[in-house]
C-alpha atoms as a PDB file:
ATOM      1  CA  MET A   1     -13.774  44.932  -6.127  1.00  0.00           C
ATOM      2  CA  ILE A   2     -17.584  44.767  -6.077  1.00  0.00           C
ATOM      3  CA  SER A   3     -17.899  47.558  -8.643  1.00  0.00           C
ATOM      4  CA  VAL A   4     -15.497  45.705 -10.949  1.00  0.00           C
ATOM      5  CA  LEU A   5     -17.540  42.508 -10.608  1.00  0.00           C
ATOM      6  CA  LYS A   6     -20.759  44.418 -11.339  1.00  0.00           C
ATOM      7  CA  LYS A   7     -19.213  45.838 -14.523  1.00  0.00           C
ATOM      8  CA  ILE A   8     -18.071  42.390 -15.649  1.00  0.00           C
ATOM      9  CA  LEU A   9     -21.478  40.823 -14.953  1.00  0.00           C
ATOM     10  CA  THR A  10     -23.306  43.644 -16.744  1.00  0.00           C
ATOM     11  CA  LYS A  11     -21.061  43.317 -19.797  1.00  0.00           C
ATOM     12  CA  THR A  12     -21.430  39.526 -19.810  1.00  0.00           C
ATOM     13  CA  ARG A  13     -25.231  39.760 -19.619  1.00  0.00           C
ATOM     14  CA  HIS A  14     -25.331  42.218 -22.520  1.00  0.00           C
ATOM     15  CA  GLU A  15     -23.064  39.961 -24.603  1.00  0.00           C
ATOM     16  CA  ALA A  16     -25.151  36.881 -23.790  1.00  0.00           C
ATOM     17  CA  ARG A  17     -28.402  38.667 -24.707  1.00  0.00           C
ATOM     18  CA  TYR A  18     -26.879  39.886 -27.971  1.00  0.00           C
ATOM     19  CA  LEU A  19     -25.550  36.460 -28.933  1.00  0.00           C
ATOM     20  CA  TRP A  20     -28.750  34.660 -27.929  1.00  0.00           C
ATOM     21  CA  GLY A  21     -30.912  37.125 -29.876  1.00  0.00           C
ATOM     22  CA  ASN A  22     -28.701  37.041 -32.962  1.00  0.00           C
ATOM     23  CA  ALA A  23     -27.998  33.316 -33.277  1.00  0.00           C
ATOM     24  CA  LYS A  24     -29.277  32.916 -36.824  1.00  0.00           C
ATOM     25  CA  HIS A  25     -27.316  29.933 -38.083  1.00  0.00           C
ATOM     26  CA  LEU A  26     -26.273  26.522 -36.856  1.00  0.00           C
ATOM     27  CA  MET A  27     -22.772  25.681 -35.774  1.00  0.00           C
ATOM     28  CA  GLY A  28     -20.992  23.502 -38.302  1.00  0.00           C
ATOM     29  CA  ILE A  29     -18.009  21.199 -37.966  1.00  0.00           C
ATOM     30  CA  ASP A  30     -15.468  23.956 -38.709  1.00  0.00           C
ATOM     31  CA  ALA A  31     -16.904  26.228 -36.016  1.00  0.00           C
ATOM     32  CA  ALA A  32     -16.968  23.341 -33.536  1.00  0.00           C
ATOM     33  CA  ARG A  33     -13.323  22.511 -34.286  1.00  0.00           C
ATOM     34  CA  PHE A  34     -12.385  26.180 -33.916  1.00  0.00           C
ATOM     35  CA  ILE A  35     -14.047  26.433 -30.498  1.00  0.00           C
ATOM     36  CA  LYS A  36     -12.485  23.183 -29.261  1.00  0.00           C
ATOM     37  CA  ALA A  37      -9.040  24.235 -30.503  1.00  0.00           C
ATOM     38  CA  ARG A  38      -9.308  27.589 -28.731  1.00  0.00           C
ATOM     39  CA  GLY A  39     -10.465  26.091 -25.447  1.00  0.00           C
ATOM     40  CA  SER A  40     -13.607  28.215 -25.168  1.00  0.00           C
ATOM     41  CA  ARG A  41     -15.926  27.321 -22.323  1.00  0.00           C
ATOM     42  CA  THR A  42     -18.870  29.746 -22.517  1.00  0.00           C
ATOM     43  CA  LEU A  43     -21.531  31.090 -24.862  1.00  0.00           C
ATOM     44  CA  VAL A  44     -19.882  34.497 -24.885  1.00  0.00           C
ATOM     45  CA  TYR A  45     -16.529  32.886 -25.727  1.00  0.00           C
ATOM     46  CA  HIS A  46     -14.346  34.601 -23.170  1.00  0.00           C
ATOM     47  CA  GLY A  47     -10.826  33.527 -23.989  1.00  0.00           C
ATOM     48  CA  ILE A  48     -11.591  32.279 -27.484  1.00  0.00           C
ATOM     49  CA  CYS A  49      -8.236  33.640 -28.651  1.00  0.00           C
ATOM     50  CA  GLN A  50      -6.233  31.828 -26.009  1.00  0.00           C
ATOM     51  CA  LYS A  51      -5.852  28.286 -24.732  1.00  0.00           C
ATOM     52  CA  GLU A  52      -4.938  29.186 -21.146  1.00  0.00           C
ATOM     53  CA  PRO A  53      -8.322  28.251 -19.585  1.00  0.00           C
ATOM     54  CA  LEU A  54      -8.227  24.809 -21.204  1.00  0.00           C
ATOM     55  CA  LYS A  55      -4.592  24.234 -20.241  1.00  0.00           C
ATOM     56  CA  TYR A  56      -5.306  25.393 -16.674  1.00  0.00           C
ATOM     57  CA  LEU A  57      -8.235  22.982 -16.271  1.00  0.00           C
ATOM     58  CA  GLU A  58      -6.236  20.120 -17.737  1.00  0.00           C
ATOM     59  CA  SER A  59      -3.260  20.865 -15.459  1.00  0.00           C
ATOM     60  CA  LEU A  60      -5.514  20.828 -12.382  1.00  0.00           C
ATOM     61  CA  SER A  61      -7.283  17.603 -13.267  1.00  0.00           C
ATOM     62  CA  LYS A  62      -4.302  15.919 -14.954  1.00  0.00           C
ATOM     63  CA  LYS A  63      -6.804  14.763 -17.595  1.00  0.00           C
ATOM     64  CA  PRO A  64      -7.879  16.073 -20.994  1.00  0.00           C
ATOM     65  CA  VAL A  65     -11.037  18.182 -21.101  1.00  0.00           C
ATOM     66  CA  ASN A  66     -13.419  16.161 -23.215  1.00  0.00           C
ATOM     67  CA  SER A  67     -16.847  17.489 -22.215  1.00  0.00           C
ATOM     68  CA  LEU A  68     -18.958  20.137 -23.901  1.00  0.00           C
ATOM     69  CA  ALA A  69     -21.917  21.842 -22.236  1.00  0.00           C
ATOM     70  CA  PHE A  70     -24.188  23.227 -24.931  1.00  0.00           C
ATOM     71  CA  PRO A  71     -24.981  26.937 -24.404  1.00  0.00           C
ATOM     72  CA  TYR A  72     -28.234  27.120 -22.442  1.00  0.00           C
ATOM     73  CA  GLY A  73     -28.323  23.331 -22.795  1.00  0.00           C
ATOM     74  CA  SER A  74     -29.756  23.621 -26.300  1.00  0.00           C
ATOM     75  CA  TYR A  75     -28.387  21.915 -29.402  1.00  0.00           C
ATOM     76  CA  GLN A  76     -29.253  20.759 -32.887  1.00  0.00           C
ATOM     77  CA  GLU A  77     -29.534  16.983 -33.108  1.00  0.00           C
ATOM     78  CA  LYS A  78     -27.598  16.829 -36.371  1.00  0.00           C
ATOM     79  CA  ASN A  79     -24.565  18.381 -34.624  1.00  0.00           C
ATOM     80  CA  VAL A  80     -24.172  15.595 -32.049  1.00  0.00           C
ATOM     81  CA  PRO A  81     -22.042  13.416 -34.385  1.00  0.00           C
ATOM     82  CA  LEU A  82     -19.884  16.443 -35.238  1.00  0.00           C
ATOM     83  CA  PHE A  83     -18.815  16.955 -31.637  1.00  0.00           C
ATOM     84  CA  THR A  84     -18.124  13.268 -31.039  1.00  0.00           C
ATOM     85  CA  THR A  85     -16.058  13.177 -34.245  1.00  0.00           C
ATOM     86  CA  ILE A  86     -13.744  15.934 -32.988  1.00  0.00           C
ATOM     87  CA  GLY A  87     -13.144  14.221 -29.659  1.00  0.00           C
ATOM     88  CA  TYR A  88     -15.792  15.207 -27.114  1.00  0.00           C
ATOM     89  CA  THR A  89     -16.894  12.141 -25.151  1.00  0.00           C
ATOM     90  CA  GLN A  90     -19.542  13.870 -23.024  1.00  0.00           C
ATOM     91  CA  LEU A  91     -22.131  16.274 -24.423  1.00  0.00           C
ATOM     92  CA  LEU A  92     -24.248  18.039 -21.802  1.00  0.00           C
ATOM     93  CA  ALA A  93     -27.785  19.153 -22.682  1.00  0.00           C
ATOM     94  CA  THR A  94     -30.926  20.173 -20.795  1.00  0.00           C
ATOM     95  CA  ASP A  95     -33.561  19.006 -23.274  1.00  0.00           C
ATOM     96  CA  PHE A  96     -32.939  15.943 -25.410  1.00  0.00           C
ATOM     97  CA  LYS A  97     -34.113  16.684 -28.956  1.00  0.00           C
ATOM     98  CA  HIS A  98     -34.606  13.043 -29.882  1.00  0.00           C
ATOM     99  CA  THR A  99     -35.474  10.039 -27.719  1.00  0.00           C
ATOM    100  CA  ASP A 100     -32.353   8.222 -28.960  1.00  0.00           C
ATOM    101  CA  ASN A 101     -30.195  11.013 -27.501  1.00  0.00           C
ATOM    102  CA  ARG A 102     -31.177  10.023 -23.963  1.00  0.00           C
ATOM    103  CA  ALA A 103     -29.684   6.550 -24.510  1.00  0.00           C
ATOM    104  CA  ALA A 104     -26.597   7.764 -26.402  1.00  0.00           C
ATOM    105  CA  PRO A 105     -23.405   7.099 -24.406  1.00  0.00           C
ATOM    106  CA  THR A 106     -22.033  10.598 -25.084  1.00  0.00           C
ATOM    107  CA  MET A 107     -25.166  12.536 -24.083  1.00  0.00           C
ATOM    108  CA  ARG A 108     -25.661  13.629 -20.477  1.00  0.00           C
ATOM    109  CA  GLU A 109     -28.381  15.651 -18.818  1.00  0.00           C
ATOM    110  CA  ARG A 110     -27.472  18.900 -17.082  1.00  0.00           C
ATOM    111  CA  LEU A 111     -29.149  21.694 -15.185  1.00  0.00           C
ATOM    112  CA  THR A 112     -29.226  25.203 -16.624  1.00  0.00           C
ATOM    113  CA  ILE A 113     -29.511  28.306 -14.471  1.00  0.00           C
ATOM    114  CA  ASN A 114     -30.825  31.236 -16.494  1.00  0.00           C
ATOM    115  CA  PRO A 115     -29.878  34.624 -14.973  1.00  0.00           C
ATOM    116  CA  PHE A 116     -32.492  36.411 -17.079  1.00  0.00           C
ATOM    117  CA  ILE A 117     -35.637  34.853 -15.571  1.00  0.00           C
ATOM    118  CA  SER A 118     -37.254  35.024 -12.140  1.00  0.00           C
ATOM    119  CA  ILE A 119     -36.539  32.486  -9.425  1.00  0.00           C
ATOM    120  CA  THR A 120     -40.107  31.171  -9.728  1.00  0.00           C
ATOM    121  CA  ASN A 121     -39.738  30.622 -13.464  1.00  0.00           C
ATOM    122  CA  GLN A 122     -36.332  29.009 -12.913  1.00  0.00           C
ATOM    123  CA  MET A 123     -37.810  26.591 -10.379  1.00  0.00           C
ATOM    124  CA  ASN A 124     -40.658  25.729 -12.774  1.00  0.00           C
ATOM    125  CA  ALA A 125     -38.174  25.123 -15.583  1.00  0.00           C
ATOM    126  CA  ASN A 126     -36.098  22.839 -13.350  1.00  0.00           C
ATOM    127  CA  ILE A 127     -39.154  20.834 -12.293  1.00  0.00           C
ATOM    128  CA  LYS A 128     -40.465  20.497 -15.861  1.00  0.00           C
ATOM    129  CA  SER A 129     -36.958  19.952 -17.299  1.00  0.00           C
ATOM    130  CA  THR A 130     -37.688  22.490 -20.020  1.00  0.00           C
ATOM    131  CA  TYR A 131     -37.776  26.253 -20.546  1.00  0.00           C
END
């Protein structure tokens, strides 16, 4: 079991590094709709071709999933209206890109844990609220 978990974590880390290093363009409304429709929950989009994770979460909570945590807590300010337009009522970010975002009813602050940095650097990032 442990060896299987190690393989999964290693693969996930490689995928996350690849996606983070190759994110060259901004997500538009069509991409946001696609991700919401597929029920994806992570940067590496495990389960993007199936809705089971979304259905499972909604069956447990008996409520619709209407929150989006931006990958690594980072977002483009111009995309905030796109996500609210398609039905997300809570958008979770680590660094607010504009002072108005802090007061926006849909924006919420969240904590990001980065598996690729040291514990000391993670603690500093948490204290400073920025990476």
